[in-house]
Amino acid sequence: MNARPFRSADELRDMIVERARTLHGPWPSGMTMFVFDDAYGWNASISRPTSEGDNFYRSRTLALVTMFKVKYDLDGPRL
């Protein structure tokens, strides 16, 4: 049985962005994140960085995505 709580894609995105802001400062202007269902549960895509600082922020945020994937499942249709 799966013990991980379910969150919508919007909730997951908001939670990840909020944690990134807390840890790394303001979300970079123009950077976007999309949370989606995939064959392994869910994943997130973050737009390409436009600077070295954005690249640092993006890589740290992708690490947060990995952490959140262990804690939460995507609430969506089950096939």
N, C-alpha and C. Protein backbone atom coordinates (compact mmCIF):
# COMPACT_ATOMS: atom_id res chain seq x y z
N MET A 1 0.84 -1.19 0.00
CA MET A 1 0.00 0.00 0.00
C MET A 1 0.88 1.24 0.00
N ASN A 2 0.44 2.23 -0.73
CA ASN A 2 1.20 3.47 -0.86
C ASN A 2 0.85 4.42 0.29
N ALA A 3 1.85 4.82 1.05
CA ALA A 3 1.62 5.69 2.21
C ALA A 3 1.90 7.16 1.92
N ARG A 4 2.32 7.47 0.68
CA ARG A 4 2.64 8.85 0.35
C ARG A 4 1.35 9.63 0.08
N PRO A 5 1.26 10.85 0.62
CA PRO A 5 0.06 11.66 0.36
C PRO A 5 0.02 12.12 -1.10
N PHE A 6 -1.19 12.31 -1.59
CA PHE A 6 -1.40 12.78 -2.96
C PHE A 6 -1.47 14.30 -2.98
N ARG A 7 -0.89 14.89 -4.02
CA ARG A 7 -0.95 16.34 -4.25
C ARG A 7 -1.20 16.55 -5.74
N SER A 8 -1.92 17.61 -6.06
CA SER A 8 -2.13 17.95 -7.46
C SER A 8 -0.82 18.49 -8.04
N ALA A 9 -0.76 18.55 -9.36
CA ALA A 9 0.43 19.09 -10.03
C ALA A 9 0.68 20.53 -9.59
N ASP A 10 -0.39 21.31 -9.48
CA ASP A 10 -0.24 22.71 -9.05
C ASP A 10 0.27 22.80 -7.61
N GLU A 11 -0.25 21.94 -6.74
CA GLU A 11 0.21 21.93 -5.35
C GLU A 11 1.69 21.56 -5.27
N LEU A 12 2.08 20.54 -6.00
CA LEU A 12 3.49 20.13 -6.00
C LEU A 12 4.38 21.26 -6.51
N ARG A 13 3.98 21.87 -7.62
CA ARG A 13 4.77 22.99 -8.17
C ARG A 13 4.90 24.10 -7.14
N ASP A 14 3.79 24.47 -6.52
CA ASP A 14 3.82 25.56 -5.54
C ASP A 14 4.69 25.21 -4.33
N MET A 15 4.61 23.96 -3.88
CA MET A 15 5.41 23.53 -2.73
C MET A 15 6.90 23.56 -3.05
N ILE A 16 7.26 23.10 -4.25
CA ILE A 16 8.67 23.08 -4.66
C ILE A 16 9.20 24.50 -4.82
N VAL A 17 8.42 25.36 -5.48
CA VAL A 17 8.84 26.75 -5.67
C VAL A 17 9.00 27.44 -4.33
N GLU A 18 8.07 27.22 -3.41
CA GLU A 18 8.16 27.86 -2.09
C GLU A 18 9.41 27.40 -1.34
N ARG A 19 9.70 26.10 -1.40
CA ARG A 19 10.90 25.58 -0.73
C ARG A 19 12.16 26.15 -1.36
N ALA A 20 12.17 26.23 -2.70
CA ALA A 20 13.33 26.81 -3.40
C ALA A 20 13.53 28.27 -2.99
N ARG A 21 12.44 29.02 -2.90
CA ARG A 21 12.54 30.42 -2.49
C ARG A 21 13.09 30.54 -1.07
N THR A 22 12.64 29.66 -0.19
CA THR A 22 13.11 29.68 1.19
C THR A 22 14.60 29.39 1.27
N LEU A 23 15.05 28.41 0.50
CA LEU A 23 16.45 27.98 0.56
C LEU A 23 17.40 28.83 -0.28
N HIS A 24 16.92 29.32 -1.44
CA HIS A 24 17.84 29.92 -2.41
C HIS A 24 17.49 31.35 -2.83
N GLY A 25 16.46 31.92 -2.26
CA GLY A 25 16.09 33.28 -2.61
C GLY A 25 15.00 33.33 -3.66
N PRO A 26 14.74 34.52 -4.19
CA PRO A 26 13.64 34.71 -5.13
C PRO A 26 13.76 33.82 -6.37
N TRP A 27 12.60 33.38 -6.85
CA TRP A 27 12.55 32.57 -8.07
C TRP A 27 13.04 33.42 -9.23
N PRO A 28 13.95 32.90 -10.05
CA PRO A 28 14.50 33.68 -11.17
C PRO A 28 13.42 34.14 -12.16
N SER A 29 13.51 35.36 -12.56
CA SER A 29 12.58 35.93 -13.53
C SER A 29 12.63 35.14 -14.83
N GLY A 30 11.47 34.77 -15.33
CA GLY A 30 11.40 34.05 -16.59
C GLY A 30 11.57 32.54 -16.48
N MET A 31 11.96 32.03 -15.32
CA MET A 31 12.13 30.59 -15.16
C MET A 31 10.76 29.98 -14.85
N THR A 32 10.43 28.90 -15.56
CA THR A 32 9.15 28.24 -15.34
C THR A 32 9.36 26.77 -14.99
N MET A 33 8.38 26.21 -14.28
CA MET A 33 8.42 24.80 -13.92
C MET A 33 7.07 24.18 -14.23
N PHE A 34 7.10 22.97 -14.77
CA PHE A 34 5.91 22.23 -15.14
C PHE A 34 5.99 20.87 -14.47
N VAL A 35 4.96 20.50 -13.69
CA VAL A 35 4.89 19.19 -13.05
C VAL A 35 3.93 18.33 -13.87
N PHE A 36 4.36 17.10 -14.18
CA PHE A 36 3.56 16.24 -15.05
C PHE A 36 3.66 14.77 -14.64
N ASP A 37 2.65 14.02 -15.02
CA ASP A 37 2.60 12.58 -14.80
C ASP A 37 3.53 11.92 -15.82
N ASP A 38 4.29 10.93 -15.37
CA ASP A 38 5.12 10.16 -16.29
C ASP A 38 5.01 8.68 -15.97
N ALA A 39 5.73 7.86 -16.65
CA ALA A 39 5.63 6.41 -16.47
C ALA A 39 6.08 5.94 -15.09
N TYR A 40 6.77 6.81 -14.35
CA TYR A 40 7.30 6.43 -13.04
C TYR A 40 6.60 7.16 -11.90
N GLY A 41 5.50 7.81 -12.14
CA GLY A 41 4.78 8.56 -11.11
C GLY A 41 4.60 10.00 -11.57
N TRP A 42 5.59 10.82 -11.29
CA TRP A 42 5.55 12.21 -11.76
C TRP A 42 6.96 12.76 -11.84
N ASN A 43 7.07 13.87 -12.56
CA ASN A 43 8.35 14.53 -12.70
C ASN A 43 8.09 16.02 -12.91
N ALA A 44 9.15 16.80 -12.95
CA ALA A 44 9.03 18.23 -13.19
C ALA A 44 10.08 18.65 -14.20
N SER A 45 9.69 19.59 -15.02
CA SER A 45 10.58 20.16 -16.01
C SER A 45 10.76 21.64 -15.68
N ILE A 46 12.00 22.10 -15.71
CA ILE A 46 12.30 23.50 -15.43
C ILE A 46 12.98 24.09 -16.66
N SER A 47 12.54 25.28 -17.04
CA SER A 47 13.09 25.91 -18.24
C SER A 47 14.60 26.06 -18.15
N ARG A 48 15.23 26.17 -19.29
CA ARG A 48 16.68 26.31 -19.35
C ARG A 48 17.13 27.62 -18.70
N PRO A 49 18.25 27.57 -18.02
CA PRO A 49 18.76 28.79 -17.37
C PRO A 49 19.32 29.77 -18.40
N THR A 50 19.26 31.05 -18.05
CA THR A 50 19.82 32.08 -18.93
C THR A 50 21.10 32.68 -18.37
N SER A 51 21.48 32.25 -17.16
CA SER A 51 22.71 32.75 -16.55
C SER A 51 23.29 31.67 -15.65
N GLU A 52 24.52 31.91 -15.19
CA GLU A 52 25.15 30.96 -14.26
C GLU A 52 24.37 30.87 -12.95
N GLY A 53 23.86 32.01 -12.47
CA GLY A 53 23.05 32.01 -11.25
C GLY A 53 21.76 31.22 -11.41
N ASP A 54 21.12 31.38 -12.57
CA ASP A 54 19.91 30.62 -12.86
C ASP A 54 20.21 29.13 -12.94
N ASN A 55 21.37 28.78 -13.49
CA ASN A 55 21.77 27.38 -13.59
C ASN A 55 21.93 26.77 -12.20
N PHE A 56 22.55 27.50 -11.29
CA PHE A 56 22.70 27.04 -9.90
C PHE A 56 21.32 26.83 -9.29
N TYR A 57 20.44 27.81 -9.44
CA TYR A 57 19.09 27.74 -8.87
C TYR A 57 18.34 26.55 -9.46
N ARG A 58 18.44 26.37 -10.77
CA ARG A 58 17.74 25.28 -11.45
C ARG A 58 18.23 23.92 -10.95
N SER A 59 19.53 23.74 -10.84
CA SER A 59 20.06 22.46 -10.39
C SER A 59 19.65 22.15 -8.95
N ARG A 60 19.64 23.17 -8.10
CA ARG A 60 19.21 22.96 -6.72
C ARG A 60 17.72 22.66 -6.64
N THR A 61 16.94 23.28 -7.51
CA THR A 61 15.50 23.02 -7.53
C THR A 61 15.21 21.62 -8.05
N LEU A 62 15.96 21.16 -9.02
CA LEU A 62 15.78 19.78 -9.50
C LEU A 62 16.11 18.78 -8.40
N ALA A 63 17.05 19.10 -7.54
CA ALA A 63 17.33 18.24 -6.38
C ALA A 63 16.13 18.22 -5.43
N LEU A 64 15.46 19.35 -5.28
CA LEU A 64 14.24 19.40 -4.46
C LEU A 64 13.14 18.53 -5.07
N VAL A 65 13.04 18.54 -6.39
CA VAL A 65 12.04 17.70 -7.06
C VAL A 65 12.27 16.25 -6.69
N THR A 66 13.51 15.80 -6.71
CA THR A 66 13.84 14.42 -6.34
C THR A 66 13.39 14.13 -4.91
N MET A 67 13.61 15.06 -4.01
CA MET A 67 13.20 14.89 -2.62
C MET A 67 11.67 14.80 -2.51
N PHE A 68 10.96 15.66 -3.23
CA PHE A 68 9.51 15.67 -3.17
C PHE A 68 8.91 14.41 -3.81
N LYS A 69 9.58 13.83 -4.81
CA LYS A 69 9.08 12.61 -5.45
C LYS A 69 9.04 11.46 -4.46
N VAL A 70 9.94 11.46 -3.50
CA VAL A 70 9.96 10.41 -2.48
C VAL A 70 8.82 10.61 -1.48
N LYS A 71 8.43 11.85 -1.24
CA LYS A 71 7.43 12.17 -0.23
C LYS A 71 5.99 12.18 -0.72
N TYR A 72 5.77 12.54 -2.00
CA TYR A 72 4.41 12.76 -2.49
C TYR A 72 4.15 12.05 -3.81
N ASP A 73 2.89 11.66 -3.98
CA ASP A 73 2.42 11.12 -5.25
C ASP A 73 1.57 12.16 -5.93
N LEU A 74 1.53 12.10 -7.24
CA LEU A 74 0.71 13.02 -8.03
C LEU A 74 -0.73 12.53 -8.00
N ASP A 75 -1.63 13.42 -7.64
CA ASP A 75 -3.06 13.11 -7.62
C ASP A 75 -3.59 13.30 -9.03
N GLY A 76 -3.89 12.22 -9.68
CA GLY A 76 -4.38 12.29 -11.04
C GLY A 76 -5.02 10.97 -11.43
N PRO A 77 -5.52 10.90 -12.63
CA PRO A 77 -6.16 9.65 -13.08
C PRO A 77 -5.19 8.48 -13.07
N ARG A 78 -5.67 7.35 -12.61
CA ARG A 78 -4.86 6.13 -12.57
C ARG A 78 -5.31 5.22 -13.72
N LEU A 79 -4.36 4.76 -14.51
CA LEU A 79 -4.70 3.89 -15.65
C LEU A 79 -4.61 2.46 -15.27
